[in-house]
Amino acid sequence: MLNVARTRVAFGAVAFAAPGLTVKLMGMGSGSDGGRDYVTRMFAAREIALGAGYLLSKGSGRKIWARLGLVVDALDTVNGLQSRGRLPLWVTASAVAVAGGTAAVGSAKVTKDLLAR
């Protein structure tokens, strides 16, 4: 989970600083688009907050951040699946793989926390 949180912060910082490049690398367009850049920065801020929240918390607070991350990653996975057919297959597959993989790590952490009670 620490690596997931660190990656969230790093990816979020890059996406916030360079939203156009981020979208281009993700295969979701190129060129300047103010609306797309705004939404990308919103996504980036969310990633920074989730990662930093986990890294800066301890104990029960960290458990809450893990659960919040799991919910976000599960919703991102569903969103990726719903984009099928409207984005190139490799974009959808990559997004679902990343979000689903992160949701799986989060699920393992949340399950471990619940069983440790």
C-alpha atoms as a PDB file:
ATOM      1  CA  MET A   1       0.000   0.000   0.000  1.00  0.00           C
ATOM      2  CA  LEU A   2       2.889   2.364   0.632  1.00  0.00           C
ATOM      3  CA  ASN A   3       4.023   1.949  -2.977  1.00  0.00           C
ATOM      4  CA  VAL A   4       0.475   2.499  -4.226  1.00  0.00           C
ATOM      5  CA  ALA A   5       0.255   5.706  -2.185  1.00  0.00           C
ATOM      6  CA  ARG A   6       3.642   6.930  -3.399  1.00  0.00           C
ATOM      7  CA  THR A   7       2.683   6.196  -6.996  1.00  0.00           C
ATOM      8  CA  ARG A   8      -0.595   8.097  -6.553  1.00  0.00           C
ATOM      9  CA  VAL A   9       1.276  11.175  -5.345  1.00  0.00           C
ATOM     10  CA  ALA A  10       3.912  10.964  -8.092  1.00  0.00           C
ATOM     11  CA  PHE A  11       1.427  10.328 -10.904  1.00  0.00           C
ATOM     12  CA  GLY A  12      -0.895  12.994  -9.546  1.00  0.00           C
ATOM     13  CA  ALA A  13       1.903  15.563  -9.422  1.00  0.00           C
ATOM     14  CA  VAL A  14       2.915  14.827 -13.024  1.00  0.00           C
ATOM     15  CA  ALA A  15      -0.688  14.891 -14.241  1.00  0.00           C
ATOM     16  CA  PHE A  16      -1.322  18.181 -12.441  1.00  0.00           C
ATOM     17  CA  ALA A  17       1.823  19.791 -13.844  1.00  0.00           C
ATOM     18  CA  ALA A  18       1.417  18.457 -17.389  1.00  0.00           C
ATOM     19  CA  PRO A  19      -2.197  17.475 -18.078  1.00  0.00           C
ATOM     20  CA  GLY A  20      -1.815  17.586 -21.871  1.00  0.00           C
ATOM     21  CA  LEU A  21       1.169  15.243 -21.815  1.00  0.00           C
ATOM     22  CA  THR A  22      -0.607  12.925 -19.374  1.00  0.00           C
ATOM     23  CA  VAL A  23      -3.659  12.605 -21.607  1.00  0.00           C
ATOM     24  CA  LYS A  24      -1.472  12.089 -24.683  1.00  0.00           C
ATOM     25  CA  LEU A  25       0.523   9.318 -22.982  1.00  0.00           C
ATOM     26  CA  MET A  26      -2.735   7.672 -21.905  1.00  0.00           C
ATOM     27  CA  GLY A  27      -3.916   7.673 -25.535  1.00  0.00           C
ATOM     28  CA  MET A  28      -6.872   9.948 -24.892  1.00  0.00           C
ATOM     29  CA  GLY A  29      -6.096  12.823 -27.240  1.00  0.00           C
ATOM     30  CA  SER A  30      -3.540  15.475 -27.964  1.00  0.00           C
ATOM     31  CA  GLY A  31      -3.343  19.184 -28.399  1.00  0.00           C
ATOM     32  CA  SER A  32      -4.662  21.856 -26.103  1.00  0.00           C
ATOM     33  CA  ASP A  33      -8.105  21.420 -24.538  1.00  0.00           C
ATOM     34  CA  GLY A  34      -8.909  23.599 -21.539  1.00  0.00           C
ATOM     35  CA  GLY A  35     -11.805  21.440 -20.334  1.00  0.00           C
ATOM     36  CA  ARG A  36      -9.859  18.197 -20.605  1.00  0.00           C
ATOM     37  CA  ASP A  37      -6.880  19.771 -18.815  1.00  0.00           C
ATOM     38  CA  TYR A  38      -9.168  20.979 -16.032  1.00  0.00           C
ATOM     39  CA  VAL A  39     -10.683  17.506 -15.537  1.00  0.00           C
ATOM     40  CA  THR A  40      -7.216  15.912 -15.661  1.00  0.00           C
ATOM     41  CA  ARG A  41      -6.039  18.260 -12.919  1.00  0.00           C
ATOM     42  CA  MET A  42      -9.118  17.348 -10.851  1.00  0.00           C
ATOM     43  CA  PHE A  43      -8.162  13.676 -11.237  1.00  0.00           C
ATOM     44  CA  ALA A  44      -4.576  14.558 -10.317  1.00  0.00           C
ATOM     45  CA  ALA A  45      -5.646  16.400  -7.174  1.00  0.00           C
ATOM     46  CA  ARG A  46      -7.701  13.376  -6.122  1.00  0.00           C
ATOM     47  CA  GLU A  47      -4.708  11.078  -6.590  1.00  0.00           C
ATOM     48  CA  ILE A  48      -2.422  13.395  -4.624  1.00  0.00           C
ATOM     49  CA  ALA A  49      -4.966  13.644  -1.795  1.00  0.00           C
ATOM     50  CA  LEU A  50      -5.538   9.872  -1.597  1.00  0.00           C
ATOM     51  CA  GLY A  51      -1.826   9.090  -1.665  1.00  0.00           C
ATOM     52  CA  ALA A  52      -0.796  11.817   0.756  1.00  0.00           C
ATOM     53  CA  GLY A  53      -3.681  11.001   3.101  1.00  0.00           C
ATOM     54  CA  TYR A  54      -2.492   7.405   3.354  1.00  0.00           C
ATOM     55  CA  LEU A  55       1.178   8.348   3.725  1.00  0.00           C
ATOM     56  CA  LEU A  56       0.551  11.007   6.362  1.00  0.00           C
ATOM     57  CA  SER A  57      -1.835   8.940   8.477  1.00  0.00           C
ATOM     58  CA  LYS A  58      -1.206   6.133  10.948  1.00  0.00           C
ATOM     59  CA  GLY A  59      -3.247   3.387  12.587  1.00  0.00           C
ATOM     60  CA  SER A  60      -6.998   3.672  12.177  1.00  0.00           C
ATOM     61  CA  GLY A  61      -6.615   6.765   9.988  1.00  0.00           C
ATOM     62  CA  ARG A  62      -4.545   4.788   7.521  1.00  0.00           C
ATOM     63  CA  LYS A  63      -7.252   2.098   7.445  1.00  0.00           C
ATOM     64  CA  ILE A  64      -9.828   4.724   6.486  1.00  0.00           C
ATOM     65  CA  TRP A  65      -7.611   6.052   3.679  1.00  0.00           C
ATOM     66  CA  ALA A  66      -7.137   2.486   2.390  1.00  0.00           C
ATOM     67  CA  ARG A  67     -10.921   2.044   2.256  1.00  0.00           C
ATOM     68  CA  LEU A  68     -11.398   5.355   0.477  1.00  0.00           C
ATOM     69  CA  GLY A  69      -8.752   4.388  -2.074  1.00  0.00           C
ATOM     70  CA  LEU A  70     -10.454   1.031  -2.608  1.00  0.00           C
ATOM     71  CA  VAL A  71     -13.795   2.713  -3.341  1.00  0.00           C
ATOM     72  CA  VAL A  72     -12.191   5.129  -5.808  1.00  0.00           C
ATOM     73  CA  ASP A  73     -10.248   2.356  -7.559  1.00  0.00           C
ATOM     74  CA  ALA A  74     -13.324   0.131  -7.792  1.00  0.00           C
ATOM     75  CA  LEU A  75     -15.305   3.000  -9.333  1.00  0.00           C
ATOM     76  CA  ASP A  76     -12.432   3.731 -11.727  1.00  0.00           C
ATOM     77  CA  THR A  77     -12.496   0.075 -12.790  1.00  0.00           C
ATOM     78  CA  VAL A  78     -16.240   0.243 -13.488  1.00  0.00           C
ATOM     79  CA  ASN A  79     -15.747   3.514 -15.371  1.00  0.00           C
ATOM     80  CA  GLY A  80     -13.014   1.904 -17.468  1.00  0.00           C
ATOM     81  CA  LEU A  81     -15.250  -1.024 -18.316  1.00  0.00           C
ATOM     82  CA  GLN A  82     -18.034   1.354 -19.317  1.00  0.00           C
ATOM     83  CA  SER A  83     -15.685   3.124 -21.755  1.00  0.00           C
ATOM     84  CA  ARG A  84     -15.317  -0.074 -23.782  1.00  0.00           C
ATOM     85  CA  GLY A  85     -16.067   0.620 -27.418  1.00  0.00           C
ATOM     86  CA  ARG A  86     -15.693   4.379 -27.065  1.00  0.00           C
ATOM     87  CA  LEU A  87     -11.921   4.385 -26.596  1.00  0.00           C
ATOM     88  CA  PRO A  88      -9.210   2.336 -28.278  1.00  0.00           C
ATOM     89  CA  LEU A  89      -9.116  -1.163 -26.810  1.00  0.00           C
ATOM     90  CA  TRP A  90      -5.559  -0.753 -25.501  1.00  0.00           C
ATOM     91  CA  VAL A  91      -6.572   2.417 -23.626  1.00  0.00           C
ATOM     92  CA  THR A  92      -9.549   0.714 -22.001  1.00  0.00           C
ATOM     93  CA  ALA A  93      -7.548  -2.421 -21.204  1.00  0.00           C
ATOM     94  CA  SER A  94      -4.701  -0.403 -19.678  1.00  0.00           C
ATOM     95  CA  ALA A  95      -7.026   1.732 -17.570  1.00  0.00           C
ATOM     96  CA  VAL A  96      -8.958  -1.292 -16.314  1.00  0.00           C
ATOM     97  CA  ALA A  97      -5.728  -3.177 -15.593  1.00  0.00           C
ATOM     98  CA  VAL A  98      -4.261  -0.322 -13.545  1.00  0.00           C
ATOM     99  CA  ALA A  99      -7.461   0.512 -11.676  1.00  0.00           C
ATOM    100  CA  GLY A 100      -8.380  -3.144 -11.186  1.00  0.00           C
ATOM    101  CA  GLY A 101      -4.896  -4.023  -9.994  1.00  0.00           C
ATOM    102  CA  THR A 102      -4.858  -1.161  -7.539  1.00  0.00           C
ATOM    103  CA  ALA A 103      -8.347  -2.135  -6.367  1.00  0.00           C
ATOM    104  CA  ALA A 104      -7.083  -5.682  -5.797  1.00  0.00           C
ATOM    105  CA  VAL A 105      -4.179  -4.414  -3.661  1.00  0.00           C
ATOM    106  CA  GLY A 106      -6.561  -2.157  -1.752  1.00  0.00           C
ATOM    107  CA  SER A 107      -9.015  -4.996  -1.291  1.00  0.00           C
ATOM    108  CA  ALA A 108      -6.289  -7.222   0.150  1.00  0.00           C
ATOM    109  CA  LYS A 109      -5.275  -4.451   2.571  1.00  0.00           C
ATOM    110  CA  VAL A 110      -8.845  -3.724   3.671  1.00  0.00           C
ATOM    111  CA  THR A 111      -9.566  -7.446   4.095  1.00  0.00           C
ATOM    112  CA  LYS A 112      -6.399  -7.875   6.166  1.00  0.00           C
ATOM    113  CA  ASP A 113      -7.386  -4.929   8.357  1.00  0.00           C
ATOM    114  CA  LEU A 114     -10.892  -6.326   8.887  1.00  0.00           C
ATOM    115  CA  LEU A 115      -9.620  -9.815   9.756  1.00  0.00           C
ATOM    116  CA  ALA A 116      -7.075  -8.386  12.209  1.00  0.00           C
ATOM    117  CA  ARG A 117      -9.847  -7.071  14.457  1.00  0.00           C
END
